[in-house]
PDB file of N, CA and C in Angstrom:
ATOM      1  N   MET A   1       1.911   4.605 -12.838  1.00  0.00           N
ATOM      2  CA  MET A   1       1.253   3.931 -12.529  1.00  0.00           C
ATOM      3  C   MET A   1       2.111   4.682 -11.089  1.00  0.00           C
ATOM      4  N   GLU A   2       2.143   3.755  -9.640  1.00  0.00           N
ATOM      5  CA  GLU A   2       1.605   3.699  -8.138  1.00  0.00           C
ATOM      6  C   GLU A   2       2.254   2.604  -7.554  1.00  0.00           C
ATOM      7  N   ILE A   3       3.236   3.288  -6.919  1.00  0.00           N
ATOM      8  CA  ILE A   3       3.690   1.817  -6.014  1.00  0.00           C
ATOM      9  C   ILE A   3       4.140   3.322  -4.981  1.00  0.00           C
ATOM     10  N   ASN A   4       4.199   2.114  -4.080  1.00  0.00           N
ATOM     11  CA  ASN A   4       4.371   2.252  -2.328  1.00  0.00           C
ATOM     12  C   ASN A   4       4.445   1.798  -1.372  1.00  0.00           C
ATOM     13  N   ASN A   5       5.791   1.929  -0.567  1.00  0.00           N
ATOM     14  CA  ASN A   5       6.863   0.323   0.093  1.00  0.00           C
ATOM     15  C   ASN A   5       6.585   1.399   1.416  1.00  0.00           C
ATOM     16  N   PHE A   6       5.854   1.022   2.371  1.00  0.00           N
ATOM     17  CA  PHE A   6       5.645   0.819   3.494  1.00  0.00           C
ATOM     18  C   PHE A   6       6.853   0.116   4.999  1.00  0.00           C
ATOM     19  N   ARG A   7       7.586   1.010   4.489  1.00  0.00           N
ATOM     20  CA  ARG A   7       7.902   0.576   6.129  1.00  0.00           C
ATOM     21  C   ARG A   7       7.441   0.225   7.183  1.00  0.00           C
ATOM     22  N   PHE A   8       7.464  -0.840   8.405  1.00  0.00           N
ATOM     23  CA  PHE A   8       6.657  -0.291   9.721  1.00  0.00           C
ATOM     24  C   PHE A   8       7.749   0.381  10.847  1.00  0.00           C
ATOM     25  N   GLU A   9       7.257   0.735  11.497  1.00  0.00           N
ATOM     26  CA  GLU A   9       8.233   1.600  12.708  1.00  0.00           C
ATOM     27  C   GLU A   9       9.096   0.870  12.913  1.00  0.00           C
ATOM     28  N   GLU A  10       8.084  -1.035  13.720  1.00  0.00           N
ATOM     29  CA  GLU A  10       8.094  -1.756  14.604  1.00  0.00           C
ATOM     30  C   GLU A  10       8.300  -3.443  13.842  1.00  0.00           C
ATOM     31  N   ASN A  11       9.167  -3.658  13.522  1.00  0.00           N
ATOM     32  CA  ASN A  11       8.672  -4.930  12.601  1.00  0.00           C
ATOM     33  C   ASN A  11       8.372  -6.384  13.420  1.00  0.00           C
ATOM     34  N   MET A  12       7.040  -6.369  12.123  1.00  0.00           N
ATOM     35  CA  MET A  12       6.382  -6.792  12.848  1.00  0.00           C
ATOM     36  C   MET A  12       5.111  -7.932  11.680  1.00  0.00           C
ATOM     37  N   ILE A  13       5.021  -8.714  11.794  1.00  0.00           N
ATOM     38  CA  ILE A  13       3.844 -10.149  10.533  1.00  0.00           C
ATOM     39  C   ILE A  13       2.495  -9.628  10.388  1.00  0.00           C
ATOM     40  N   ILE A  14       2.157  -8.919   9.250  1.00  0.00           N
ATOM     41  CA  ILE A  14       0.477  -8.277  10.020  1.00  0.00           C
ATOM     42  C   ILE A  14      -0.484  -9.684   9.330  1.00  0.00           C
ATOM     43  N   LYS A  15      -1.271  -9.431   9.762  1.00  0.00           N
ATOM     44  CA  LYS A  15      -1.914 -11.388   9.497  1.00  0.00           C
ATOM     45  C   LYS A  15      -3.885 -10.087   9.548  1.00  0.00           C
ATOM     46  N   LYS A  16      -4.864 -11.191   9.095  1.00  0.00           N
ATOM     47  CA  LYS A  16      -5.884 -10.633   8.658  1.00  0.00           C
ATOM     48  C   LYS A  16      -6.874 -11.353  10.130  1.00  0.00           C
ATOM     49  N   ASP A  17      -7.410 -10.853  10.875  1.00  0.00           N
ATOM     50  CA  ASP A  17      -8.180 -11.297  12.032  1.00  0.00           C
ATOM     51  C   ASP A  17      -9.601 -11.747  11.352  1.00  0.00           C
ATOM     52  N   PRO A  18      -9.402 -12.780  11.647  1.00  0.00           N
ATOM     53  CA  PRO A  18     -10.819 -14.422  10.557  1.00  0.00           C
ATOM     54  C   PRO A  18     -12.641 -14.335  11.634  1.00  0.00           C
ATOM     55  N   PHE A  19     -12.141 -13.367  12.010  1.00  0.00           N
ATOM     56  CA  PHE A  19     -13.590 -12.828  13.440  1.00  0.00           C
ATOM     57  C   PHE A  19     -14.406 -11.461  12.362  1.00  0.00           C
ATOM     58  N   THR A  20     -12.529 -11.081  12.642  1.00  0.00           N
ATOM     59  CA  THR A  20     -13.335  -8.940  12.692  1.00  0.00           C
ATOM     60  C   THR A  20     -13.057  -8.905  10.898  1.00  0.00           C
ATOM     61  N   GLY A  21     -12.218  -9.886  10.446  1.00  0.00           N
ATOM     62  CA  GLY A  21     -12.284  -9.535   9.067  1.00  0.00           C
ATOM     63  C   GLY A  21     -10.428  -7.798   8.330  1.00  0.00           C
ATOM     64  N   TYR A  22     -10.251  -7.213  10.015  1.00  0.00           N
ATOM     65  CA  TYR A  22      -9.372  -6.350   9.971  1.00  0.00           C
ATOM     66  C   TYR A  22      -8.778  -6.887   9.572  1.00  0.00           C
ATOM     67  N   ILE A  23      -7.154  -6.510   9.513  1.00  0.00           N
ATOM     68  CA  ILE A  23      -5.185  -6.503   9.761  1.00  0.00           C
ATOM     69  C   ILE A  23      -4.949  -5.824  10.982  1.00  0.00           C
ATOM     70  N   VAL A  24      -4.677  -7.424  11.213  1.00  0.00           N
ATOM     71  CA  VAL A  24      -3.475  -6.894  13.021  1.00  0.00           C
ATOM     72  C   VAL A  24      -2.565  -7.325  13.135  1.00  0.00           C
ATOM     73  N   PRO A  25      -1.915  -6.956  14.135  1.00  0.00           N
ATOM     74  CA  PRO A  25       0.196  -8.173  14.048  1.00  0.00           C
ATOM     75  C   PRO A  25      -0.419  -8.836  14.522  1.00  0.00           C
ATOM     76  N   ASP A  26       0.511  -9.684  14.502  1.00  0.00           N
ATOM     77  CA  ASP A  26       0.923 -11.197  15.059  1.00  0.00           C
ATOM     78  C   ASP A  26       1.901 -11.244  15.793  1.00  0.00           C
ATOM     79  N   TYR A  27       1.869 -11.022  16.715  1.00  0.00           N
ATOM     80  CA  TYR A  27       3.425 -11.121  17.544  1.00  0.00           C
ATOM     81  C   TYR A  27       3.402 -12.477  18.225  1.00  0.00           C
ATOM     82  N   SER A  28       3.128 -13.759  18.091  1.00  0.00           N
ATOM     83  CA  SER A  28       3.483 -15.179  17.848  1.00  0.00           C
ATOM     84  C   SER A  28       4.271 -15.358  17.334  1.00  0.00           C
ATOM     85  N   TYR A  29       5.242 -14.879  16.689  1.00  0.00           N
ATOM     86  CA  TYR A  29       6.376 -15.591  16.284  1.00  0.00           C
ATOM     87  C   TYR A  29       7.783 -15.647  16.949  1.00  0.00           C
ATOM     88  N   THR A  30       6.957 -14.437  18.296  1.00  0.00           N
ATOM     89  CA  THR A  30       8.293 -13.913  18.839  1.00  0.00           C
ATOM     90  C   THR A  30       8.919 -15.227  20.188  1.00  0.00           C
ATOM     91  N   SER A  31       7.002 -15.723  20.163  1.00  0.00           N
ATOM     92  CA  SER A  31       7.329 -17.567  21.412  1.00  0.00           C
ATOM     93  C   SER A  31       8.062 -18.219  20.728  1.00  0.00           C
ATOM     94  N   ARG A  32       7.796 -18.553  18.918  1.00  0.00           N
ATOM     95  CA  ARG A  32       8.709 -19.597  18.617  1.00  0.00           C
ATOM     96  C   ARG A  32      10.126 -19.539  18.700  1.00  0.00           C
ATOM     97  N   GLY A  33      10.431 -17.978  18.870  1.00  0.00           N
ATOM     98  CA  GLY A  33      12.064 -17.969  18.928  1.00  0.00           C
ATOM     99  C   GLY A  33      12.503 -17.383  16.887  1.00  0.00           C
ATOM    100  N   ILE A  34      11.317 -16.910  16.450  1.00  0.00           N
ATOM    101  CA  ILE A  34      11.842 -15.956  15.110  1.00  0.00           C
ATOM    102  C   ILE A  34      11.592 -14.561  15.428  1.00  0.00           C
ATOM    103  N   TYR A  35      13.249 -13.749  15.367  1.00  0.00           N
ATOM    104  CA  TYR A  35      13.334 -12.615  15.467  1.00  0.00           C
ATOM    105  C   TYR A  35      13.175 -12.140  13.918  1.00  0.00           C
ATOM    106  N   LEU A  36      12.197 -10.284  14.220  1.00  0.00           N
ATOM    107  CA  LEU A  36      12.508  -9.666  12.542  1.00  0.00           C
ATOM    108  C   LEU A  36      13.351  -9.307  12.271  1.00  0.00           C
ATOM    109  N   LYS A  37      14.406  -8.666  11.423  1.00  0.00           N
ATOM    110  CA  LYS A  37      14.913  -7.944  11.223  1.00  0.00           C
ATOM    111  C   LYS A  37      14.552  -7.174  10.299  1.00  0.00           C
ATOM    112  N   LYS A  38      13.781  -7.175   9.513  1.00  0.00           N
ATOM    113  CA  LYS A  38      12.904  -5.805   8.709  1.00  0.00           C
ATOM    114  C   LYS A  38      11.320  -6.872   8.566  1.00  0.00           C
ATOM    115  N   SER A  39      10.320  -5.717   8.628  1.00  0.00           N
ATOM    116  CA  SER A  39       8.837  -5.495   7.649  1.00  0.00           C
ATOM    117  C   SER A  39       8.555  -4.636   6.781  1.00  0.00           C
ATOM    118  N   LYS A  40       7.764  -5.046   5.669  1.00  0.00           N
ATOM    119  CA  LYS A  40       7.092  -3.478   4.716  1.00  0.00           C
ATOM    120  C   LYS A  40       6.266  -5.040   4.263  1.00  0.00           C
ATOM    121  N   LEU A  41       4.839  -3.226   4.009  1.00  0.00           N
ATOM    122  CA  LEU A  41       3.991  -3.492   2.958  1.00  0.00           C
ATOM    123  C   LEU A  41       4.311  -2.639   1.629  1.00  0.00           C
ATOM    124  N   VAL A  42       4.248  -3.673   0.584  1.00  0.00           N
ATOM    125  CA  VAL A  42       3.897  -2.703  -0.309  1.00  0.00           C
ATOM    126  C   VAL A  42       2.234  -2.927  -1.744  1.00  0.00           C
ATOM    127  N   THR A  43       2.576  -1.857  -2.552  1.00  0.00           N
ATOM    128  CA  THR A  43       1.326  -1.996  -3.323  1.00  0.00           C
ATOM    129  C   THR A  43       1.536  -1.071  -4.028  1.00  0.00           C
ATOM    130  N   GLY A  44       1.001  -1.297  -6.026  1.00  0.00           N
ATOM    131  CA  GLY A  44       1.517  -0.748  -6.853  1.00  0.00           C
ATOM    132  C   GLY A  44       0.310  -0.938  -6.993  1.00  0.00           C
ATOM    133  N   TYR A  45      -0.484   0.363  -7.978  1.00  0.00           N
ATOM    134  CA  TYR A  45      -1.713   0.231  -8.738  1.00  0.00           C
ATOM    135  C   TYR A  45      -1.917   1.476  -9.574  1.00  0.00           C
ATOM    136  N   PHE A  46      -1.680   0.194 -10.786  1.00  0.00           N
ATOM    137  CA  PHE A  46      -2.312   1.216 -12.622  1.00  0.00           C
ATOM    138  C   PHE A  46      -3.020   2.497 -11.858  1.00  0.00           C
ATOM    139  N   ASN A  47      -3.198   3.987 -12.566  1.00  0.00           N
ATOM    140  CA  ASN A  47      -3.999   4.121 -12.084  1.00  0.00           C
ATOM    141  C   ASN A  47      -4.797   5.665 -13.643  1.00  0.00           C
ATOM    142  N   VAL A  48      -5.270   5.886 -13.809  1.00  0.00           N
ATOM    143  CA  VAL A  48      -6.646   6.593 -14.549  1.00  0.00           C
ATOM    144  C   VAL A  48      -7.015   7.830 -14.943  1.00  0.00           C
ATOM    145  N   PRO A  49      -6.056   9.532 -14.747  1.00  0.00           N
ATOM    146  CA  PRO A  49      -6.433  10.849 -14.466  1.00  0.00           C
ATOM    147  C   PRO A  49      -7.549  11.315 -15.497  1.00  0.00           C
ATOM    148  N   ILE A  50      -8.660  11.478 -14.964  1.00  0.00           N
ATOM    149  CA  ILE A  50      -9.590  12.130 -15.529  1.00  0.00           C
ATOM    150  C   ILE A  50      -9.834  13.180 -15.459  1.00  0.00           C
ATOM    151  N   THR A  51      -8.935  14.978 -15.844  1.00  0.00           N
ATOM    152  CA  THR A  51      -8.683  15.980 -15.793  1.00  0.00           C
ATOM    153  C   THR A  51      -9.839  16.764 -16.658  1.00  0.00           C
ATOM    154  N   LEU A  52     -10.025  17.919 -16.023  1.00  0.00           N
ATOM    155  CA  LEU A  52     -10.598  19.158 -16.699  1.00  0.00           C
ATOM    156  C   LEU A  52      -9.389  20.830 -16.443  1.00  0.00           C
ATOM    157  N   LYS A  53      -9.090  20.826 -17.413  1.00  0.00           N
ATOM    158  CA  LYS A  53      -8.608  22.262 -17.145  1.00  0.00           C
ATOM    159  C   LYS A  53      -9.050  23.816 -18.536  1.00  0.00           C
ATOM    160  N   VAL A  54      -9.684  24.406 -17.678  1.00  0.00           N
ATOM    161  CA  VAL A  54     -10.601  26.055 -17.656  1.00  0.00           C
ATOM    162  C   VAL A  54      -8.761  26.980 -17.979  1.00  0.00           C
ATOM    163  N   ARG A  55      -8.453  27.125 -17.999  1.00  0.00           N
ATOM    164  CA  ARG A  55      -7.482  28.851 -18.852  1.00  0.00           C
ATOM    165  C   ARG A  55      -9.366  30.006 -19.871  1.00  0.00           C
ATOM    166  N   TRP A  56      -7.991  31.454 -18.773  1.00  0.00           N
ATOM    167  CA  TRP A  56      -8.606  32.765 -19.023  1.00  0.00           C
ATOM    168  C   TRP A  56      -8.394  33.654 -19.390  1.00  0.00           C
ATOM    169  N   GLY A  57      -8.743  34.701 -19.528  1.00  0.00           N
ATOM    170  CA  GLY A  57      -7.682  35.743 -19.378  1.00  0.00           C
ATOM    171  C   GLY A  57      -7.025  36.114 -20.808  1.00  0.00           C
ATOM    172  N   LYS A  58      -5.898  37.159 -20.570  1.00  0.00           N
ATOM    173  CA  LYS A  58      -5.491  37.536 -21.827  1.00  0.00           C
ATOM    174  C   LYS A  58      -3.921  37.088 -21.300  1.00  0.00           C
ATOM    175  N   MET A  59      -3.463  36.217 -22.597  1.00  0.00           N
ATOM    176  CA  MET A  59      -2.358  34.922 -22.881  1.00  0.00           C
ATOM    177  C   MET A  59      -2.709  34.210 -21.613  1.00  0.00           C
ATOM    178  N   ASN A  60      -4.210  33.047 -21.760  1.00  0.00           N
ATOM    179  CA  ASN A  60      -4.216  32.755 -21.344  1.00  0.00           C
ATOM    180  C   ASN A  60      -3.579  32.618 -19.879  1.00  0.00           C
ATOM    181  N   LYS A  61      -4.024  33.786 -18.969  1.00  0.00           N
ATOM    182  CA  LYS A  61      -2.667  33.813 -18.069  1.00  0.00           C
ATOM    183  C   LYS A  61      -3.077  33.187 -17.108  1.00  0.00           C
ATOM    184  N   TRP A  62      -4.585  32.752 -16.733  1.00  0.00           N
ATOM    185  CA  TRP A  62      -5.078  32.452 -15.616  1.00  0.00           C
ATOM    186  C   TRP A  62      -5.723  30.683 -16.007  1.00  0.00           C
ATOM    187  N   TYR A  63      -5.451  29.935 -14.602  1.00  0.00           N
ATOM    188  CA  TYR A  63      -6.068  28.247 -15.084  1.00  0.00           C
ATOM    189  C   TYR A  63      -7.217  27.674 -13.745  1.00  0.00           C
ATOM    190  N   MET A  64      -7.477  27.578 -14.182  1.00  0.00           N
ATOM    191  CA  MET A  64      -8.581  26.428 -13.108  1.00  0.00           C
ATOM    192  C   MET A  64      -8.027  24.705 -13.735  1.00  0.00           C
ATOM    193  N   GLN A  65      -7.707  23.698 -12.063  1.00  0.00           N
ATOM    194  CA  GLN A  65      -7.926  22.185 -13.419  1.00  0.00           C
ATOM    195  C   GLN A  65      -8.256  21.215 -12.375  1.00  0.00           C
ATOM    196  N   GLY A  66      -9.264  20.269 -12.297  1.00  0.00           N
ATOM    197  CA  GLY A  66      -9.544  19.552 -10.950  1.00  0.00           C
ATOM    198  C   GLY A  66     -10.143  18.661 -12.114  1.00  0.00           C
ATOM    199  N   GLY A  67     -10.422  17.482 -11.124  1.00  0.00           N
ATOM    200  CA  GLY A  67     -10.921  15.611 -11.758  1.00  0.00           C
ATOM    201  C   GLY A  67     -10.911  14.342 -11.288  1.00  0.00           C
ATOM    202  N   ILE A  68     -10.740  14.097 -11.936  1.00  0.00           N
ATOM    203  CA  ILE A  68     -10.287  12.174 -10.958  1.00  0.00           C
ATOM    204  C   ILE A  68      -9.368  11.796 -10.743  1.00  0.00           C
ATOM    205  N   VAL A  69      -9.136  10.794 -10.138  1.00  0.00           N
ATOM    206  CA  VAL A  69      -8.309   9.559 -10.565  1.00  0.00           C
ATOM    207  C   VAL A  69      -8.452   8.309  -9.997  1.00  0.00           C
ATOM    208  N   GLY A  70      -8.742   7.488 -10.704  1.00  0.00           N
ATOM    209  CA  GLY A  70      -9.239   5.973 -10.338  1.00  0.00           C
ATOM    210  C   GLY A  70      -7.215   5.212 -10.659  1.00  0.00           C
ATOM    211  N   GLY A  71      -8.015   3.639  -9.648  1.00  0.00           N
ATOM    212  CA  GLY A  71      -6.770   3.233 -10.247  1.00  0.00           C
ATOM    213  C   GLY A  71      -6.275   1.542  -9.797  1.00  0.00           C
ATOM    214  N   TRP A  72      -6.179   0.105 -10.121  1.00  0.00           N
ATOM    215  CA  TRP A  72      -6.360  -0.590  -9.825  1.00  0.00           C
ATOM    216  C   TRP A  72      -5.320  -1.748  -9.269  1.00  0.00           C
ATOM    217  N   ARG A  73      -5.819  -2.204  -8.443  1.00  0.00           N
ATOM    218  CA  ARG A  73      -4.293  -2.971  -7.798  1.00  0.00           C
ATOM    219  C   ARG A  73      -4.120  -3.628  -8.597  1.00  0.00           C
ATOM    220  N   PHE A  74      -2.542  -3.620  -8.381  1.00  0.00           N
ATOM    221  CA  PHE A  74      -1.557  -5.522  -9.553  1.00  0.00           C
ATOM    222  C   PHE A  74      -0.468  -5.791  -8.757  1.00  0.00           C
ATOM    223  N   ASN A  75      -0.332  -5.176  -7.597  1.00  0.00           N
ATOM    224  CA  ASN A  75       0.069  -6.639  -7.075  1.00  0.00           C
ATOM    225  C   ASN A  75      -0.189  -5.865  -5.081  1.00  0.00           C
ATOM    226  N   GLY A  76       0.458  -6.234  -4.791  1.00  0.00           N
ATOM    227  CA  GLY A  76       0.890  -5.839  -2.905  1.00  0.00           C
ATOM    228  C   GLY A  76       1.375  -7.721  -2.369  1.00  0.00           C
ATOM    229  N   HIS A  77       1.855  -7.463  -2.057  1.00  0.00           N
ATOM    230  CA  HIS A  77       2.628  -8.172  -0.706  1.00  0.00           C
ATOM    231  C   HIS A  77       3.483  -7.964   0.359  1.00  0.00           C
ATOM    232  N   THR A  78       3.517  -8.590   1.746  1.00  0.00           N
ATOM    233  CA  THR A  78       4.356  -8.001   2.892  1.00  0.00           C
ATOM    234  C   THR A  78       5.746  -9.277   2.419  1.00  0.00           C
ATOM    235  N   LYS A  79       7.163  -8.036   3.218  1.00  0.00           N
ATOM    236  CA  LYS A  79       7.431  -9.255   3.139  1.00  0.00           C
ATOM    237  C   LYS A  79       8.543  -9.202   4.357  1.00  0.00           C
ATOM    238  N   ILE A  80       8.835 -10.099   4.430  1.00  0.00           N
ATOM    239  CA  ILE A  80       9.961 -10.049   6.945  1.00  0.00           C
ATOM    240  C   ILE A  80      11.053 -10.468   6.024  1.00  0.00           C
ATOM    241  N   LYS A  81      11.783 -10.119   6.618  1.00  0.00           N
ATOM    242  CA  LYS A  81      13.314 -11.072   6.646  1.00  0.00           C
ATOM    243  C   LYS A  81      13.116 -11.192   8.267  1.00  0.00           C
ATOM    244  N   ALA A  82      13.359 -12.818   8.515  1.00  0.00           N
ATOM    245  CA  ALA A  82      13.933 -12.988   9.831  1.00  0.00           C
ATOM    246  C   ALA A  82      14.989 -14.135  10.236  1.00  0.00           C
ATOM    247  N   SER A  83      15.075 -14.488  11.106  1.00  0.00           N
ATOM    248  CA  SER A  83      16.637 -14.620  11.833  1.00  0.00           C
ATOM    249  C   SER A  83      15.852 -15.636  12.837  1.00  0.00           C
ATOM    250  N   GLY A  84      17.189 -16.669  13.293  1.00  0.00           N
ATOM    251  CA  GLY A  84      16.923 -17.407  14.505  1.00  0.00           C
ATOM    252  C   GLY A  84      15.642 -18.902  14.090  1.00  0.00           C
ATOM    253  N   ASN A  85      14.690 -19.138  14.429  1.00  0.00           N
ATOM    254  CA  ASN A  85      14.332 -20.555  14.483  1.00  0.00           C
ATOM    255  C   ASN A  85      13.281 -20.863  13.125  1.00  0.00           C
ATOM    256  N   LEU A  86      13.893 -19.728  12.244  1.00  0.00           N
ATOM    257  CA  LEU A  86      12.614 -20.183  10.534  1.00  0.00           C
ATOM    258  C   LEU A  86      13.758 -18.044  10.578  1.00  0.00           C
ATOM    259  N   SER A  87      14.910 -18.504   9.403  1.00  0.00           N
ATOM    260  CA  SER A  87      15.489 -17.456   8.388  1.00  0.00           C
ATOM    261  C   SER A  87      15.701 -16.923   7.163  1.00  0.00           C
ATOM    262  N   GLY A  88      15.297 -16.374   7.344  1.00  0.00           N
ATOM    263  CA  GLY A  88      15.607 -16.132   5.142  1.00  0.00           C
ATOM    264  C   GLY A  88      14.727 -14.817   5.244  1.00  0.00           C
ATOM    265  N   ASN A  89      14.138 -14.619   4.054  1.00  0.00           N
ATOM    266  CA  ASN A  89      13.476 -13.159   3.050  1.00  0.00           C
ATOM    267  C   ASN A  89      11.737 -14.521   2.474  1.00  0.00           C
ATOM    268  N   PHE A  90      10.591 -13.892   3.295  1.00  0.00           N
ATOM    269  CA  PHE A  90       8.980 -14.398   2.693  1.00  0.00           C
ATOM    270  C   PHE A  90       8.814 -13.738   2.710  1.00  0.00           C
ATOM    271  N   LYS A  91       7.726 -13.657   0.894  1.00  0.00           N
ATOM    272  CA  LYS A  91       6.886 -12.912   1.082  1.00  0.00           C
ATOM    273  C   LYS A  91       5.703 -13.312   1.562  1.00  0.00           C
ATOM    274  N   ASN A  92       4.383 -12.813   1.103  1.00  0.00           N
ATOM    275  CA  ASN A  92       2.695 -12.837   1.443  1.00  0.00           C
ATOM    276  C   ASN A  92       2.115 -12.682   0.855  1.00  0.00           C
ATOM    277  N   TYR A  93       0.990 -13.131  -0.421  1.00  0.00           N
ATOM    278  CA  TYR A  93       0.361 -12.149  -1.580  1.00  0.00           C
ATOM    279  C   TYR A  93      -0.945 -12.193  -1.108  1.00  0.00           C
ATOM    280  N   LYS A  94      -0.943 -13.310   0.481  1.00  0.00           N
ATOM    281  CA  LYS A  94      -2.777 -13.804   0.212  1.00  0.00           C
ATOM    282  C   LYS A  94      -3.769 -13.011   1.856  1.00  0.00           C
ATOM    283  N   ASP A  95      -4.587 -12.286   1.549  1.00  0.00           N
ATOM    284  CA  ASP A  95      -5.139 -12.102   2.847  1.00  0.00           C
ATOM    285  C   ASP A  95      -4.544 -10.548   3.472  1.00  0.00           C
ATOM    286  N   LEU A  96      -4.550 -10.054   2.393  1.00  0.00           N
ATOM    287  CA  LEU A  96      -3.632  -8.602   3.163  1.00  0.00           C
ATOM    288  C   LEU A  96      -5.038  -7.452   3.107  1.00  0.00           C
ATOM    289  N   ASN A  97      -6.134  -7.759   2.832  1.00  0.00           N
ATOM    290  CA  ASN A  97      -7.043  -7.023   3.079  1.00  0.00           C
ATOM    291  C   ASN A  97      -7.218  -5.313   2.075  1.00  0.00           C
ATOM    292  N   LEU A  98      -6.287  -5.901   1.398  1.00  0.00           N
ATOM    293  CA  LEU A  98      -6.712  -4.589   0.411  1.00  0.00           C
ATOM    294  C   LEU A  98      -7.480  -4.312  -0.682  1.00  0.00           C
ATOM    295  N   ARG A  99      -7.873  -3.386  -0.759  1.00  0.00           N
ATOM    296  CA  ARG A  99      -8.425  -2.710  -2.179  1.00  0.00           C
ATOM    297  C   ARG A  99      -8.186  -3.227  -3.163  1.00  0.00           C
ATOM    298  N   ASN A 100      -9.137  -3.355  -3.779  1.00  0.00           N
ATOM    299  CA  ASN A 100      -8.535  -3.540  -5.278  1.00  0.00           C
ATOM    300  C   ASN A 100      -8.334  -2.287  -6.010  1.00  0.00           C
ATOM    301  N   PHE A 101      -9.385  -1.365  -6.125  1.00  0.00           N
ATOM    302  CA  PHE A 101      -9.587  -0.131  -6.532  1.00  0.00           C
ATOM    303  C   PHE A 101      -9.458   0.719  -5.691  1.00  0.00           C
ATOM    304  N   HIS A 102      -9.358   2.432  -6.363  1.00  0.00           N
ATOM    305  CA  HIS A 102      -8.798   2.830  -5.506  1.00  0.00           C
ATOM    306  C   HIS A 102      -9.447   4.204  -5.997  1.00  0.00           C
ATOM    307  N   TRP A 103      -9.331   5.385  -6.080  1.00  0.00           N
ATOM    308  CA  TRP A 103      -9.842   6.721  -6.342  1.00  0.00           C
ATOM    309  C   TRP A 103      -9.915   7.905  -4.990  1.00  0.00           C
ATOM    310  N   GLY A 104      -8.975   8.792  -5.751  1.00  0.00           N
ATOM    311  CA  GLY A 104      -8.928  10.010  -5.444  1.00  0.00           C
ATOM    312  C   GLY A 104      -9.837  11.417  -6.017  1.00  0.00           C
ATOM    313  N   ILE A 105      -9.335  12.309  -5.534  1.00  0.00           N
ATOM    314  CA  ILE A 105      -9.439  13.906  -6.534  1.00  0.00           C
ATOM    315  C   ILE A 105      -8.320  14.223  -6.542  1.00  0.00           C
ATOM    316  N   LEU A 106      -8.564  14.962  -7.956  1.00  0.00           N
ATOM    317  CA  LEU A 106      -6.831  15.959  -8.142  1.00  0.00           C
ATOM    318  C   LEU A 106      -7.247  16.962  -8.239  1.00  0.00           C
ATOM    319  N   ARG A 107      -6.839  18.484  -7.678  1.00  0.00           N
ATOM    320  CA  ARG A 107      -6.514  19.208  -8.376  1.00  0.00           C
ATOM    321  C   ARG A 107      -5.656  21.084  -7.554  1.00  0.00           C
ATOM    322  N   ALA A 108      -5.966  21.433  -8.838  1.00  0.00           N
ATOM    323  CA  ALA A 108      -4.369  22.554  -8.746  1.00  0.00           C
ATOM    324  C   ALA A 108      -4.722  23.864  -8.463  1.00  0.00           C
TER     325      ALA A 108
END
């Protein structure tokens, strides 16, 4: 299981651009008198590794290992802590443009 907790350097709200489909910062909240104290993005994946390990030499002295890992996203949301005209903690689970599956290479 893999859980990532990304804190933004600059407190901001992110949204999906309707024209490009990319995630972009949304600074329109400052004109509405909303001030952010904290903002972050959280993702969670279930990962499955497939590895191959080869040992050789006297007493299995040397070995080589490699493989692939794939994961399915079970959670993803943004969280902000706001004050001003709108105050409290808010989470957004929609339109984050996160991949549902990811993969990578394992090596040692």
